[in-house]
Amino acid sequence: MVLFGGVELGWILIVIGALVLLAEAYTPGFFLTVPGTVLILLGALILLGVDIFNSEWGIVASVGGALAAAIVTVLLYSRITPDERPTTALSRDSFAGRTGVVTRVVDTANFDGKVEIEGNTWSAISETGTIPVGTHVRVVRSEGVHIIVKEITHDGTT
């Protein structure tokens, strides 16, 4: 089937499919992989002479091929993607009671102080007094994106 100045529909579908796969490569998320693969398959069927629009066998071949391509694509994609759970952020209220270590002096005057909690660094302010670097602290509460901390004493209390 010839379209657009002598270019066959099969080639057009293959090029569009390749562009869709290229877009998927630059913005991964699996949303474009199956449509791109199916477009390439349909373009190849047309170039092989299969009439995917008017022939009963052509329609069956195109639908069956598209389903098979989609299934194979999903299976391959699931094997090559890492099996990691997404990183989740702690909610504002879930900080209370967590413990951490001061990495930059924390005081009551400003949020320049830093505390590391579970591998993440947070801006912090002291509830009472100045807390030096290396001191273990417990989160009293949070305010916006900052946390309010209190020094943990040697007996484990605050």
Protein backbone atom coordinates (compact mmCIF):
# COMPACT_ATOMS: atom_id res chain seq x y z
CA MET A 1 0.00 0.00 0.00
CA VAL A 2 1.62 3.24 -1.21
CA LEU A 3 1.00 6.54 0.55
CA PHE A 4 2.56 9.97 0.77
CA GLY A 5 4.60 10.44 -2.36
CA GLY A 6 5.44 6.78 -2.94
CA VAL A 7 6.35 5.82 0.63
CA GLU A 8 4.69 2.63 1.76
CA LEU A 9 2.51 2.49 4.86
CA GLY A 10 4.69 -0.30 6.26
CA TRP A 11 7.75 1.93 6.33
CA ILE A 12 5.77 4.75 7.89
CA LEU A 13 4.58 2.46 10.70
CA ILE A 14 8.11 1.13 11.27
CA VAL A 15 9.56 4.65 11.49
CA ILE A 16 6.80 5.81 13.85
CA GLY A 17 7.33 2.67 15.97
CA ALA A 18 11.06 3.30 16.11
CA LEU A 19 10.49 6.94 17.12
CA VAL A 20 8.09 5.82 19.85
CA LEU A 21 10.71 3.35 21.16
CA LEU A 22 13.32 6.10 21.03
CA ALA A 23 11.03 8.36 23.06
CA GLU A 24 10.66 5.50 25.58
CA ALA A 25 14.43 5.21 25.83
CA TYR A 26 14.71 8.88 26.79
CA THR A 27 11.77 8.82 29.24
CA PRO A 28 11.61 5.27 30.63
CA GLY A 29 8.40 4.14 32.17
CA PHE A 30 7.19 1.36 29.86
CA PHE A 31 4.25 3.42 28.57
CA LEU A 32 5.49 3.52 24.98
CA THR A 33 7.27 0.19 24.61
CA VAL A 34 4.28 -1.96 23.62
CA PRO A 35 2.78 0.52 21.11
CA GLY A 36 6.19 1.05 19.51
CA THR A 37 6.80 -2.69 19.18
CA VAL A 38 3.31 -3.29 17.75
CA LEU A 39 3.72 -0.49 15.18
CA ILE A 40 7.00 -2.01 14.00
CA LEU A 41 5.38 -5.46 13.74
CA LEU A 42 2.40 -4.14 11.77
CA GLY A 43 4.72 -2.24 9.43
CA ALA A 44 6.72 -5.42 8.83
CA LEU A 45 3.55 -7.41 8.08
CA ILE A 46 2.50 -4.81 5.51
CA LEU A 47 5.94 -4.88 3.87
CA LEU A 48 5.71 -8.69 3.69
CA GLY A 49 2.52 -8.30 1.68
CA VAL A 50 -0.04 -9.14 4.38
CA ASP A 51 -3.23 -7.10 3.91
CA ILE A 52 -3.98 -6.26 7.54
CA PHE A 53 -7.09 -4.23 6.69
CA ASN A 54 -9.19 -6.28 4.23
CA SER A 55 -8.07 -9.90 4.43
CA GLU A 56 -9.50 -12.14 7.17
CA TRP A 57 -6.11 -13.82 7.57
CA GLY A 58 -4.39 -10.46 7.55
CA ILE A 59 -6.59 -9.19 10.36
CA VAL A 60 -6.02 -12.39 12.37
CA ALA A 61 -2.27 -12.21 11.72
CA SER A 62 -2.06 -8.55 12.72
CA VAL A 63 -4.13 -8.95 15.90
CA GLY A 64 -2.35 -12.18 16.86
CA GLY A 65 1.05 -10.70 16.07
CA ALA A 66 0.25 -7.53 18.03
CA LEU A 67 -0.83 -9.58 21.06
CA ALA A 68 2.26 -11.78 20.83
CA ALA A 69 4.51 -8.72 20.47
CA ALA A 70 2.86 -7.09 23.47
CA ILE A 71 3.27 -10.21 25.63
CA VAL A 72 6.90 -10.73 24.62
CA THR A 73 7.67 -7.04 25.18
CA VAL A 74 6.13 -7.09 28.67
CA LEU A 75 8.04 -10.27 29.59
CA LEU A 76 11.36 -8.92 28.29
CA TYR A 77 10.85 -5.55 29.93
CA SER A 78 10.07 -7.16 33.28
CA ARG A 79 13.31 -9.17 33.09
CA ILE A 80 15.57 -6.22 32.31
CA THR A 81 14.14 -3.73 34.79
CA PRO A 82 15.54 -3.73 38.33
CA ASP A 83 13.35 -5.26 40.99
CA GLU A 84 13.45 -2.36 43.41
CA ARG A 85 10.76 -0.82 45.50
CA PRO A 86 10.39 2.90 44.92
CA THR A 87 11.84 5.27 47.48
CA THR A 88 9.13 6.61 49.71
CA ALA A 89 9.31 9.81 51.66
CA LEU A 90 8.42 9.88 55.30
CA SER A 91 5.30 11.85 56.04
CA ARG A 92 5.61 14.91 58.21
CA ASP A 93 4.04 13.19 61.21
CA SER A 94 6.13 10.01 60.94
CA PHE A 95 9.34 11.71 62.15
CA ALA A 96 8.34 12.04 65.80
CA GLY A 97 10.30 9.60 67.93
CA ARG A 98 12.92 8.74 65.28
CA THR A 99 16.55 9.07 66.27
CA GLY A 100 19.53 10.45 64.40
CA VAL A 101 22.95 12.04 64.70
CA VAL A 102 23.82 15.73 64.45
CA THR A 103 26.05 16.41 61.41
CA ARG A 104 26.07 20.23 61.71
CA VAL A 105 25.59 22.06 65.03
CA VAL A 106 21.91 22.41 65.89
CA ASP A 107 20.61 25.32 67.96
CA THR A 108 17.36 27.10 68.75
CA ALA A 109 18.04 30.18 66.63
CA ASN A 110 17.88 28.89 63.02
CA PHE A 111 17.53 25.89 60.73
CA ASP A 112 21.23 25.78 59.74
CA GLY A 113 21.68 22.64 61.82
CA LYS A 114 21.62 19.24 60.12
CA VAL A 115 20.67 15.82 61.47
CA GLU A 116 21.11 12.49 59.68
CA ILE A 117 18.17 10.13 60.14
CA GLU A 118 18.15 6.72 58.43
CA GLY A 119 20.70 7.86 55.84
CA ASN A 120 18.92 11.12 54.97
CA THR A 121 20.01 14.58 56.09
CA TRP A 122 17.37 16.99 57.41
CA SER A 123 17.39 20.63 58.47
CA ALA A 124 16.89 20.78 62.21
CA ILE A 125 16.42 23.13 65.11
CA SER A 126 16.94 22.30 68.76
CA GLU A 127 14.04 22.38 71.16
CA THR A 128 16.35 23.60 73.94
CA GLY A 129 19.95 24.75 73.71
CA THR A 130 22.81 24.01 71.33
CA ILE A 131 23.58 20.42 70.29
CA PRO A 132 27.11 19.66 68.98
CA VAL A 133 28.10 17.50 66.01
CA GLY A 134 28.08 13.76 66.74
CA THR A 135 25.37 13.95 69.38
CA HIS A 136 22.47 11.51 69.19
CA VAL A 137 19.08 13.18 69.07
CA ARG A 138 15.41 12.23 69.00
CA VAL A 139 12.84 14.03 66.84
CA VAL A 140 10.24 15.79 68.97
CA ARG A 141 8.09 17.00 66.07
CA SER A 142 8.34 18.41 62.57
CA GLU A 143 7.40 21.78 61.16
CA GLY A 144 7.11 21.86 57.40
CA VAL A 145 10.30 20.36 55.97
CA HIS A 146 12.28 20.94 59.17
CA ILE A 147 12.50 18.82 62.29
CA ILE A 148 12.68 19.82 65.94
CA VAL A 149 15.10 17.64 67.92
CA LYS A 150 16.18 17.04 71.49
CA GLU A 151 19.47 15.55 72.71
CA ILE A 152 19.39 11.94 73.91
CA THR A 153 21.12 11.61 77.26
CA HIS A 154 23.51 8.79 78.17
CA ASP A 155 20.67 6.80 79.74
CA GLY A 156 18.67 6.97 76.48
CA THR A 157 16.13 9.58 77.57
CA THR A 158 15.60 13.04 76.16
